C-alpha cells in the first residue's frame, strides 16, 4: 500500500476514534448531571432563560426629535453645503447679509406665512431645503413683488414661463402670485432643470435665473475650449454669477444666524394655513369679516386674486389654520349675496395704487456720458434709492438702459420722528398722552406686517392713517401710536 493511502486510512481511523470519545464523554456528563442534589440545582443559573432575553444592539440610534422651529427643520435638510471650501464669491455675499441683517429678518417675518408649506413640499420631493430660501433672493418673500422684467410673485415668474407651467394670468387672477400653484410650478421647473443638467443643482439654479439656453451655451463654449463645465467656471451674466453664491451664502447664515448678528424669529413647525373649498364668488373682505380674519392677512394668503374677489381663480381659499373650521361652518349657513360686496371692480396694476402706477411709469433712458451720480442729481433722488429701485449692485450703466424712478418729492425725512400728542378736555387739562412714531415703509411692507411689527391692531393703524390704501409703497410714512 502506498504511503498516501496509508495516510488516508490513518486519518479516517483517527476521526472515528475522536467521535467515539466525544460520545462517551457526553454520556458520562449526562449521567453525572442526573445525580446533582435538588438544592444545588435550584442555584444553577438558568442559561436557557437568559438566552431568551432580547439582545441589546449598541448600534441603534435614538429617534431624532421633531424640530419645533421650521428654521431648524430647514437646516436638517440642507444638501448643497458639501465640498464648497473657501469661496470668495460666497464670502462676498455672506458679508453682505451679515452687514444687512434686517434684510433676512424682514424677509423671514413676511415668509412666516409660507415657509412651512414650502419646506414640506420640498421634503416630499427630496429636494434640497436650501431652495426654501430662494424666495428670499427672488422676492424677499413678498408675494406682491414685481420686477422690471415683469416677473411676479414669490418665485418671480415672467408671463411666458408662468403660462408654460399652467399659471393662468387674467385681469382678476394671476397664478404667478398664487402661493400653492406658483410653489408647485417653481418646483416642477427646478426639477426639470435639475434633470436637464445631469443632477447638478448649481447649474439648475443658474438656469432658473438666466434661462437654460444661456447656461447650455456657456457649457458648450467651455467644452469647445477644453475648459471645466461646472458652475464656478462658466462665463455667465454678472447677475447669475452672483445668484448661486447668494443662495449658498444665505444658507450658511441661516445655519448659524447668531454668528452673523442675524436674529431669526422662530417659526412654528406647523401649517400656518389650510385650504378651504368654496363653490361661489366671494369678496375677501366679506370672508374676512365672517371668519374674524384680518383682511390684509387673508389677502397675503390669497394674493393671486388681484381685485380681492374670487373670480377666474381656483375654487378654494387659503385661511389661517385656526380660522378654517369657523369659516367652513359659516359658509354653509350664508346666502351667496351675503358674501359679495356691491363695489365696482376696477382694473388694478399688480396690486399698486394710482400713485404707485405713476411712479413706476416714470423712467429715464441712459445717455452717453451718464453715470448714477449725475442721473440721481438731475432727478433729485438718492443714488442708493436709484440702485434699489433698479436692483443695481454696482454703478456700471449701459447707453440706452432704462432706469425706473420713483417720486420722492412728497416724502418726509427718512428719520423716525417721535412726538408726544396730548388729548385735552375743554378745560385744558391733559387727559391722555400717546406716543406717535413716524414709520418709513420698506420694500415689501403691508399694513398687516407693520401692525404686527409694532404690536398694534390693524383697525387702529388704519384709523391713524385714513388716507393710506391697502397697498403701501416704499418711502411712505405711517403714523403708529402707542400709550406713553
Protein backbone atom coordinates (compact mmCIF):
# COMPACT_ATOMS: atom_id res chain seq x y z
CA UNK A 1 0.00 0.00 0.00
CA UNK A 2 1.35 3.32 -0.94
CA UNK A 3 2.18 5.99 1.60
CA UNK A 4 -0.69 8.39 0.62
CA UNK A 5 -3.26 5.59 1.02
CA UNK A 6 -1.87 4.68 4.47
CA UNK A 7 -2.12 8.31 5.49
CA UNK A 8 -5.75 8.47 4.37
CA UNK A 9 -6.68 5.29 6.34
CA UNK A 10 -4.89 6.55 9.48
CA UNK A 11 -6.75 9.86 9.14
CA UNK A 12 -10.13 8.08 8.91
CA UNK A 13 -9.33 5.96 11.92
CA UNK A 14 -8.36 8.98 13.99
CA UNK A 15 -11.59 10.75 13.02
CA UNK A 16 -13.73 7.71 14.11
CA UNK A 17 -11.81 7.46 17.38
CA UNK A 18 -12.39 11.17 18.16
CA UNK A 19 -16.11 10.75 17.50
CA UNK A 20 -16.31 7.74 19.84
CA UNK A 21 -14.52 9.61 22.64
CA UNK A 22 -16.90 12.57 22.25
CA UNK A 23 -19.97 10.30 22.57
CA UNK A 24 -18.54 8.64 25.70
CA UNK A 25 -17.75 11.95 27.40
CA UNK A 26 -21.25 13.25 26.62
CA UNK A 27 -22.83 10.16 28.16
CA UNK A 28 -20.70 10.43 31.31
CA UNK A 29 -21.61 14.11 31.79
CA UNK A 30 -25.28 13.32 31.31
CA UNK A 31 -25.09 10.62 33.98
CA UNK A 32 -23.37 12.93 36.43
CA UNK A 33 -25.92 15.67 35.99
CA UNK A 34 -28.77 13.32 36.95
CA UNK A 35 -27.24 12.86 40.47
CA UNK A 36 -26.91 16.57 41.29
CA UNK A 37 -28.76 17.27 44.58
CA UNK A 38 -32.03 19.25 44.24
CA UNK A 39 -30.81 22.11 46.40
CA UNK A 40 -27.76 22.63 44.24
CA UNK A 41 -29.77 22.52 41.03
CA UNK A 42 -32.02 25.35 42.22
CA UNK A 43 -29.00 27.66 42.45
CA UNK A 44 -27.72 26.79 38.98
CA UNK A 45 -28.01 29.81 36.61
CA UNK A 46 -30.93 29.48 34.19
CA UNK A 47 -28.95 29.69 30.96
CA UNK A 48 -31.97 28.95 28.77
CA UNK A 49 -33.97 31.78 30.31
CA UNK A 50 -31.13 34.19 29.77
CA UNK A 51 -30.82 33.10 26.17
CA UNK A 52 -34.43 34.16 25.53
CA UNK A 53 -33.78 37.77 26.55
CA UNK A 54 -33.78 40.26 23.64
CA UNK A 55 -30.28 41.37 22.64
CA UNK A 56 -29.28 44.98 23.21
CA UNK A 57 -27.99 46.48 19.98
CA UNK A 58 -25.49 49.18 20.84
CA UNK A 59 -25.54 50.49 17.30
CA UNK A 60 -29.23 51.55 17.50
CA UNK A 61 -29.68 55.33 17.27
CA UNK A 62 -32.29 57.22 19.30
CA UNK A 63 -35.24 58.55 17.33
CA UNK A 64 -34.47 62.18 16.39
CA UNK A 65 -36.78 64.76 17.90
CA UNK A 66 -39.04 66.67 15.54
CA UNK A 67 -37.89 70.32 15.43
CA UNK A 68 -40.26 72.85 16.92
CA UNK A 69 -38.85 75.59 14.71
CA UNK A 70 -39.10 75.50 10.91
CA UNK A 71 -35.66 77.11 10.62
CA UNK A 72 -34.14 74.07 12.38
CA UNK A 73 -36.13 71.69 10.20
CA UNK A 74 -34.77 73.53 7.18
CA UNK A 75 -31.18 73.23 8.41
CA UNK A 76 -31.55 69.46 8.77
CA UNK A 77 -32.49 69.21 5.09
CA UNK A 78 -29.66 71.25 3.60
CA UNK A 79 -27.91 69.33 0.79
CA UNK A 80 -25.76 71.90 -1.01
CA UNK A 81 -23.14 72.68 1.63
CA UNK A 82 -20.65 69.87 0.94
CA UNK A 83 -17.32 70.49 -0.79
CA UNK A 84 -17.76 74.24 -1.02
CA UNK A 85 -14.47 75.08 0.66
CA UNK A 86 -13.29 78.67 0.81
CA UNK A 87 -15.02 80.52 -2.00
CA UNK A 88 -14.55 84.28 -2.32
CA UNK A 89 -17.78 84.67 -4.29
CA UNK A 90 -19.75 83.08 -1.45
CA UNK A 91 -17.82 85.01 1.19
CA UNK A 92 -18.61 88.30 -0.54
CA UNK A 93 -22.35 87.57 -0.45
CA UNK A 94 -22.20 86.30 3.13
CA UNK A 95 -20.54 89.55 4.19
CA UNK A 96 -23.41 91.50 2.63
CA UNK A 97 -26.03 89.54 4.58
CA UNK A 98 -24.04 89.98 7.79
CA UNK A 99 -23.84 93.73 7.11
CA UNK A 100 -27.57 93.95 6.39
CA UNK A 101 -29.20 91.67 9.00
CA UNK A 102 -32.59 93.37 8.67
CA UNK A 103 -32.97 92.07 5.10
CA UNK A 104 -33.19 88.42 6.14
CA UNK A 105 -35.06 89.25 9.35
CA UNK A 106 -37.79 91.13 7.46
CA UNK A 107 -37.98 88.51 4.71
CA UNK A 108 -38.31 85.80 7.36
CA UNK A 109 -41.12 87.72 9.02
CA UNK A 110 -43.01 88.04 5.73
CA UNK A 111 -42.28 84.42 4.86
CA UNK A 112 -43.56 83.09 8.17
CA UNK A 113 -46.94 82.57 6.48
CA UNK A 114 -45.50 80.40 3.71
CA UNK A 115 -42.19 78.77 4.73
CA UNK A 116 -43.65 75.69 6.45
CA UNK A 117 -45.72 74.88 3.37
CA UNK A 118 -42.73 75.27 1.04
CA UNK A 119 -40.44 73.16 3.26
CA UNK A 120 -42.99 70.34 3.31
CA UNK A 121 -43.39 70.35 -0.47
CA UNK A 122 -39.59 70.25 -0.92
CA UNK A 123 -39.27 67.36 1.52
CA UNK A 124 -41.94 65.40 -0.37
CA UNK A 125 -39.76 65.62 -3.49
CA UNK A 126 -36.45 65.08 -1.62
CA UNK A 127 -35.22 68.43 -2.91
CA UNK A 128 -32.58 70.48 -1.01
CA UNK A 129 -34.21 72.59 1.67
CA UNK A 130 -31.90 75.46 0.75
CA UNK A 131 -34.46 76.03 -2.01
CA UNK A 132 -36.91 77.26 0.63
CA UNK A 133 -34.64 80.32 0.78
CA UNK A 134 -34.91 81.00 -2.95
CA UNK A 135 -37.93 83.31 -2.47
CA UNK A 136 -35.75 85.39 -0.13
CA UNK A 137 -33.41 86.01 -3.07
CA UNK A 138 -36.17 86.37 -5.65
CA UNK A 139 -38.79 88.46 -3.86
CA UNK A 140 -37.79 88.88 -0.19
CA UNK A 141 -40.81 86.60 0.42
CA UNK A 142 -43.20 89.27 -0.82
CA UNK A 143 -45.95 87.72 -3.00
CA UNK A 144 -46.69 91.19 -4.42
CA UNK A 145 -43.11 91.65 -5.67
CA UNK A 146 -42.95 92.94 -9.25
CA UNK A 147 -39.73 93.33 -11.25
CA UNK A 148 -38.86 95.50 -14.22
CA UNK A 149 -38.73 92.29 -16.29
CA UNK A 150 -42.45 91.79 -15.45
CA UNK A 151 -41.66 88.90 -13.10
CA UNK A 152 -44.23 88.46 -10.36
CA UNK A 153 -44.76 86.65 -7.06
CA UNK A 154 -42.70 84.76 -4.50
CA UNK A 155 -40.87 82.82 -7.22
CA UNK A 156 -40.73 85.67 -9.78
CA UNK A 157 -42.18 84.01 -12.88
CA UNK A 158 -42.24 86.06 -16.06
CA UNK A 159 -45.54 85.78 -18.02
CA UNK A 160 -44.38 83.24 -20.62
CA UNK A 161 -42.74 80.86 -18.15
CA UNK A 162 -45.74 81.18 -15.86
CA UNK A 163 -48.11 80.16 -18.67
CA UNK A 164 -45.83 77.24 -19.60
CA UNK A 165 -46.24 75.91 -16.07
CA UNK A 166 -50.03 76.43 -16.07
CA UNK A 167 -50.09 79.67 -14.07
CA UNK A 168 -53.10 81.43 -15.59
CA UNK A 169 -53.00 85.23 -15.83
CA UNK A 170 -56.16 87.29 -16.30
CA UNK A 171 -57.49 90.69 -15.30
CA UNK A 172 -58.74 89.27 -12.00
CA UNK A 173 -56.35 86.41 -11.21
CA UNK A 174 -52.59 85.88 -11.58
CA UNK A 175 -51.42 82.36 -10.83
CA UNK A 176 -47.83 83.60 -10.50
CA UNK A 177 -48.93 85.11 -7.18
CA UNK A 178 -50.88 82.05 -6.07
CA UNK A 179 -48.94 80.67 -3.10
CA UNK A 180 -49.62 76.97 -3.70
CA UNK A 181 -49.82 77.00 -7.51
CA UNK A 182 -46.63 79.03 -8.00
CA UNK A 183 -44.76 76.87 -5.49
CA UNK A 184 -45.74 73.74 -7.42
CA UNK A 185 -44.70 75.40 -10.68
CA UNK A 186 -41.34 76.51 -9.26
CA UNK A 187 -40.55 73.01 -8.01
CA UNK A 188 -41.60 71.48 -11.33
CA UNK A 189 -39.33 73.93 -13.14
CA UNK A 190 -36.38 73.37 -10.80
CA UNK A 191 -36.80 69.59 -11.05
CA UNK A 192 -36.84 69.80 -14.83
CA UNK A 193 -33.66 71.92 -14.83
CA UNK A 194 -32.02 69.53 -12.35
CA UNK A 195 -32.67 66.61 -14.70
CA UNK A 196 -31.59 68.64 -17.76
CA UNK A 197 -28.18 69.38 -16.20
CA UNK A 198 -27.49 65.82 -15.05
CA UNK A 199 -28.40 66.26 -11.40
CA UNK A 200 -26.30 69.39 -10.82
CA UNK A 201 -28.29 71.71 -8.56
CA UNK A 202 -25.92 74.65 -9.01
CA UNK A 203 -26.37 74.57 -12.79
CA UNK A 204 -30.13 74.16 -12.30
CA UNK A 205 -30.22 77.27 -10.10
CA UNK A 206 -28.15 79.22 -12.61
CA UNK A 207 -30.61 78.22 -15.33
CA UNK A 208 -33.56 79.25 -13.13
CA UNK A 209 -32.03 82.73 -13.06
CA UNK A 210 -30.63 83.10 -16.58
CA UNK A 211 -32.55 80.51 -18.58
CA UNK A 212 -31.50 77.03 -19.66
CA UNK A 213 -30.34 78.29 -23.06
CA UNK A 214 -27.84 80.73 -21.53
CA UNK A 215 -26.33 78.04 -19.30
CA UNK A 216 -26.27 75.42 -22.07
CA UNK A 217 -24.42 77.76 -24.42
CA UNK A 218 -21.87 78.58 -21.71
CA UNK A 219 -21.25 74.86 -21.17
CA UNK A 220 -20.84 74.23 -24.91
CA UNK A 221 -18.34 77.11 -25.16
CA UNK A 222 -16.19 75.71 -22.36
CA UNK A 223 -16.33 72.22 -23.87
CA UNK A 224 -15.00 73.57 -27.19
CA UNK A 225 -12.16 75.32 -25.35
CA UNK A 226 -11.37 72.32 -23.17
CA UNK A 227 -12.33 74.22 -20.01
CA UNK A 228 -14.23 72.95 -16.93
CA UNK A 229 -18.02 73.00 -17.32
CA UNK A 230 -19.05 73.27 -13.67
CA UNK A 231 -20.98 76.33 -12.49
CA UNK A 232 -17.97 78.09 -10.98
CA UNK A 233 -16.08 78.12 -14.28
CA UNK A 234 -18.83 79.14 -16.70
CA UNK A 235 -18.87 82.60 -18.35
CA UNK A 236 -22.36 83.59 -17.18
CA UNK A 237 -24.01 87.04 -16.86
CA UNK A 238 -22.95 89.05 -13.81
CA UNK A 239 -26.33 88.62 -12.11
CA UNK A 240 -26.14 84.84 -12.50
CA UNK A 241 -22.51 84.84 -11.33
CA UNK A 242 -23.78 86.25 -8.03
CA UNK A 243 -27.09 84.36 -7.90
CA UNK A 244 -25.94 80.92 -6.74
CA UNK A 245 -23.30 82.25 -4.30
CA UNK A 246 -26.03 84.45 -2.85
CA UNK A 247 -28.25 81.45 -2.09
CA UNK A 248 -25.35 79.42 -0.67
CA UNK A 249 -24.22 82.34 1.49
CA UNK A 250 -27.76 82.90 2.74
CA UNK A 251 -28.00 79.21 3.65
CA UNK A 252 -24.80 79.47 5.69
CA UNK A 253 -26.17 82.49 7.55
CA UNK A 254 -29.34 80.51 8.35
CA UNK A 255 -27.15 77.65 9.62
CA UNK A 256 -25.58 79.95 12.26
CA UNK A 257 -27.51 83.24 12.37
CA UNK A 258 -26.07 84.34 15.73
CA UNK A 259 -22.56 84.18 14.30
CA UNK A 260 -23.53 86.79 11.72
CA UNK A 261 -25.57 89.03 14.00
CA UNK A 262 -28.91 87.98 12.49
CA UNK A 263 -31.95 87.45 14.71
CA UNK A 264 -34.27 84.90 13.11
CA UNK A 265 -37.56 84.79 14.99
CA UNK A 266 -38.74 81.20 15.45
CA UNK A 267 -41.43 80.00 13.05
CA UNK A 268 -43.66 77.24 14.40
CA UNK A 269 -43.10 73.92 12.64
CA UNK A 270 -46.79 73.52 11.83
CA UNK A 271 -49.07 74.56 8.95
CA UNK A 272 -49.88 78.26 9.03
CA UNK A 273 -52.79 77.96 6.62
CA UNK A 274 -55.38 75.47 5.50
CA UNK A 275 -57.24 75.08 2.22
CA UNK A 276 -61.00 75.77 2.42
CA UNK A 277 -63.09 74.79 -0.58
CA UNK A 278 -65.57 77.35 -1.98
CA UNK A 279 -68.23 77.00 -4.67
CA UNK A 280 -69.22 80.59 -5.43
CA UNK A 281 -67.82 84.05 -5.98
CA UNK A 282 -66.75 85.78 -2.76
CA UNK A 283 -65.15 89.06 -1.76
CA UNK A 284 -62.18 88.60 0.54
CA UNK A 285 -63.33 91.45 2.77
CA UNK A 286 -66.63 89.65 3.39
CA UNK A 287 -64.87 86.34 4.01
CA UNK A 288 -62.51 88.03 6.47
CA UNK A 289 -65.43 89.50 8.41
CA UNK A 290 -67.30 86.19 8.53
CA UNK A 291 -64.32 84.24 9.90
CA UNK A 292 -62.86 87.03 12.05
CA UNK A 293 -59.69 87.08 9.95
CA UNK A 294 -57.68 90.22 9.40
CA UNK A 295 -58.47 91.31 5.86
CA UNK A 296 -54.88 92.13 4.95
CA UNK A 297 -53.67 88.78 6.28
CA UNK A 298 -56.28 86.97 4.18
CA UNK A 299 -55.07 88.85 1.10
CA UNK A 300 -51.45 87.96 1.91
CA UNK A 301 -52.52 84.31 1.76
CA UNK A 302 -54.57 84.79 -1.43
CA UNK A 303 -52.68 87.48 -3.37
CA UNK A 304 -53.50 85.94 -6.76
CA UNK A 305 -57.00 87.45 -6.59
CA UNK A 306 -55.90 90.85 -7.84
CA UNK A 307 -59.18 92.59 -7.07
CA UNK A 308 -59.78 90.76 -3.79
CA UNK A 309 -62.65 88.78 -5.22
CA UNK A 310 -62.59 85.12 -6.21
CA UNK A 311 -63.01 85.45 -9.97
CA UNK A 312 -61.09 83.34 -12.53
CA UNK A 313 -59.16 81.55 -9.80
CA UNK A 314 -59.29 78.12 -8.12
CA UNK A 315 -62.34 77.17 -6.07
CA UNK A 316 -60.58 77.41 -2.74
CA UNK A 317 -59.08 79.89 -0.32
CA UNK A 318 -56.09 79.71 1.98
CA UNK A 319 -57.05 80.75 5.51
CA UNK A 320 -55.19 80.65 8.84
CA UNK A 321 -55.46 77.17 10.30
CA UNK A 322 -57.06 78.45 13.47
CA UNK A 323 -59.93 80.02 11.48
CA UNK A 324 -60.58 77.29 8.89
CA UNK A 325 -63.25 75.43 10.87
CA UNK A 326 -65.15 78.64 11.69
CA UNK A 327 -65.12 79.74 8.06
CA UNK A 328 -66.31 76.34 6.80
CA UNK A 329 -69.20 76.36 9.27
CA UNK A 330 -70.14 79.95 8.43
CA UNK A 331 -70.12 79.42 4.66
CA UNK A 332 -72.58 76.53 4.96
CA UNK A 333 -75.22 78.80 6.52
CA UNK A 334 -74.82 82.01 4.48
CA UNK A 335 -76.63 83.16 1.36
CA UNK A 336 -74.46 83.84 -1.73
CA UNK A 337 -75.37 87.55 -1.79
CA UNK A 338 -74.03 87.96 1.75
CA UNK A 339 -70.51 87.23 0.51
CA UNK A 340 -70.43 89.72 -2.37
CA UNK A 341 -69.95 93.45 -1.93
CA UNK A 342 -71.60 96.00 -4.19
CA UNK A 343 -68.40 97.85 -5.04
CA UNK A 344 -67.45 98.16 -8.69
CA UNK A 345 -64.48 96.22 -9.94
CA UNK A 346 -61.67 98.36 -11.33
CA UNK A 347 -58.55 97.21 -13.14
CA UNK A 348 -55.51 97.03 -10.93
CA UNK A 349 -51.79 97.31 -11.72
CA UNK A 350 -50.19 94.40 -9.90
CA UNK A 351 -51.63 95.50 -6.57
CA UNK A 352 -50.33 99.06 -6.72
CA UNK A 353 -52.40 102.18 -6.05
CA UNK A 354 -52.61 105.06 -8.55
CA UNK A 355 -49.66 106.93 -7.06
CA UNK A 356 -47.55 103.80 -7.37
CA UNK A 357 -48.50 103.42 -11.01
CA UNK A 358 -47.45 106.98 -11.73
CA UNK A 359 -44.12 106.47 -10.01
CA UNK A 360 -43.45 103.18 -11.81
CA UNK A 361 -44.14 104.80 -15.18
CA UNK A 362 -41.54 107.48 -14.57
CA UNK A 363 -38.41 106.31 -16.34
CA UNK A 364 -35.06 107.62 -17.57
CA UNK A 365 -33.10 106.34 -20.57
CA UNK A 366 -29.34 106.35 -20.03
CA UNK A 367 -27.38 108.58 -22.42
CA UNK A 368 -23.72 108.52 -23.36
CA UNK A 369 -21.62 110.03 -20.57
CA UNK A 370 -24.27 109.43 -17.88
CA UNK A 371 -23.45 107.90 -14.51
CA UNK A 372 -25.53 107.20 -11.42
CA UNK A 373 -24.34 110.38 -9.72
CA UNK A 374 -25.36 112.75 -12.50
CA UNK A 375 -28.69 110.95 -13.06
CA UNK A 376 -29.53 110.98 -9.34
CA UNK A 377 -28.66 114.68 -9.07
CA UNK A 378 -30.67 115.66 -12.15
CA UNK A 379 -33.73 113.80 -10.91
CA UNK A 380 -33.31 114.85 -7.27
CA UNK A 381 -33.10 111.30 -5.95
CA UNK A 382 -30.55 109.41 -3.89
CA UNK A 383 -28.02 107.12 -5.60
CA UNK A 384 -28.86 104.33 -3.15
CA UNK A 385 -32.56 104.65 -3.99
CA UNK A 386 -31.73 104.57 -7.69
CA UNK A 387 -29.77 101.35 -7.17
CA UNK A 388 -32.52 99.79 -5.05
CA UNK A 389 -35.34 100.64 -7.47
CA UNK A 390 -33.39 99.10 -10.37
CA UNK A 391 -31.70 96.24 -8.46
CA UNK A 392 -28.26 97.54 -9.36
CA UNK A 393 -25.38 96.02 -7.40
CA UNK A 394 -22.76 98.33 -8.89
CA UNK A 395 -22.55 101.67 -10.65
CA UNK A 396 -22.00 100.50 -14.24
CA UNK A 397 -24.65 101.63 -16.75
CA UNK A 398 -25.23 100.92 -20.44
CA UNK A 399 -26.25 103.50 -23.02
CA UNK A 400 -29.95 103.04 -23.78
CA UNK A 401 -30.65 101.30 -20.48
CA UNK A 402 -33.94 102.35 -18.87
CA UNK A 403 -33.93 103.27 -15.19
CA UNK A 404 -37.07 103.32 -13.09
CA UNK A 405 -37.66 106.42 -10.96
CA UNK A 406 -39.98 106.94 -8.02
CA UNK A 407 -41.35 110.30 -6.90
CA UNK A 408 -39.69 111.29 -3.64
CA UNK A 409 -40.69 114.94 -3.55
CA UNK A 410 -43.58 114.33 -1.17
CA UNK A 411 -41.59 112.20 1.26
CA UNK A 412 -40.87 113.32 4.75
CA UNK A 413 -37.46 112.97 6.31
CA UNK A 414 -36.17 109.40 6.42
CA UNK A 415 -35.52 109.69 10.13
CA UNK A 416 -38.00 108.29 12.63
CA UNK A 417 -39.56 111.20 14.48
CA UNK A 418 -41.28 110.72 17.81
CA UNK A 419 -43.67 113.28 19.25
CA UNK A 420 -45.97 113.35 22.23
CA UNK A 421 -49.56 114.22 21.36
CA UNK A 422 -51.78 115.38 24.20
CA UNK A 423 -55.53 114.95 24.08
CA UNK A 424 -57.07 117.71 26.22
CA UNK A 425 -60.51 118.45 27.52
CA UNK A 426 -62.16 121.83 27.16
CA UNK A 427 -60.66 122.97 30.44
CA UNK A 428 -57.16 122.46 29.04
CA UNK A 429 -56.18 119.56 31.29
CA UNK A 430 -54.31 116.69 29.73
CA UNK A 431 -56.44 113.56 29.93
CA UNK A 432 -54.30 111.14 27.91
CA UNK A 433 -50.91 111.02 26.23
CA UNK A 434 -49.89 108.86 23.32
CA UNK A 435 -46.52 108.44 21.68
CA UNK A 436 -46.68 108.78 17.92
CA UNK A 437 -43.95 107.24 15.78
CA UNK A 438 -43.44 108.02 12.11
CA UNK A 439 -42.56 104.76 10.39
CA UNK A 440 -41.00 104.75 6.91
CA UNK A 441 -42.42 101.93 4.77
CA UNK A 442 -39.86 99.45 3.40
CA UNK A 443 -39.99 97.35 0.25
CA UNK A 444 -42.49 94.51 0.73
CA UNK A 445 -44.25 96.01 3.75
CA UNK A 446 -48.00 95.69 4.17
CA UNK A 447 -50.39 97.13 6.74
CA UNK A 448 -50.61 93.69 8.32
CA UNK A 449 -46.83 93.37 8.67
CA UNK A 450 -46.45 96.90 10.09
CA UNK A 451 -49.24 96.29 12.62
CA UNK A 452 -47.60 93.01 13.61
CA UNK A 453 -44.18 94.65 13.93
CA UNK A 454 -45.48 97.35 16.29
CA UNK A 455 -47.90 95.00 18.08
CA UNK A 456 -50.95 97.16 17.32
CA UNK A 457 -54.37 96.37 15.89
CA UNK A 458 -54.89 96.71 12.13
CA UNK A 459 -58.04 98.77 12.66
CA UNK A 460 -56.09 101.25 14.79
CA UNK A 461 -53.33 101.53 12.20
CA UNK A 462 -55.93 102.30 9.52
CA UNK A 463 -57.61 104.88 11.77
CA UNK A 464 -54.29 106.66 12.39
CA UNK A 465 -53.61 106.70 8.64
CA UNK A 466 -57.01 107.33 6.98
CA UNK A 467 -55.56 108.32 3.60
CA UNK A 468 -53.45 105.19 3.24
CA UNK A 469 -54.76 102.45 0.96
CA UNK A 470 -54.17 98.72 1.31
CA UNK A 471 -51.13 98.84 -0.99
CA UNK A 472 -48.16 100.56 0.62
CA UNK A 473 -45.18 101.93 -1.26
CA UNK A 474 -41.56 102.23 -0.12
CA UNK A 475 -40.79 105.58 1.45
CA UNK A 476 -44.36 106.23 2.53
CA UNK A 477 -44.67 107.44 6.14
CA UNK A 478 -47.13 105.85 8.57
CA UNK A 479 -48.19 107.13 11.96
CA UNK A 480 -48.05 104.49 14.68
CA UNK A 481 -49.32 105.42 18.14
CA UNK A 482 -48.90 103.63 21.45
CA UNK A 483 -49.69 104.54 25.08
CA UNK A 484 -46.91 106.59 26.67
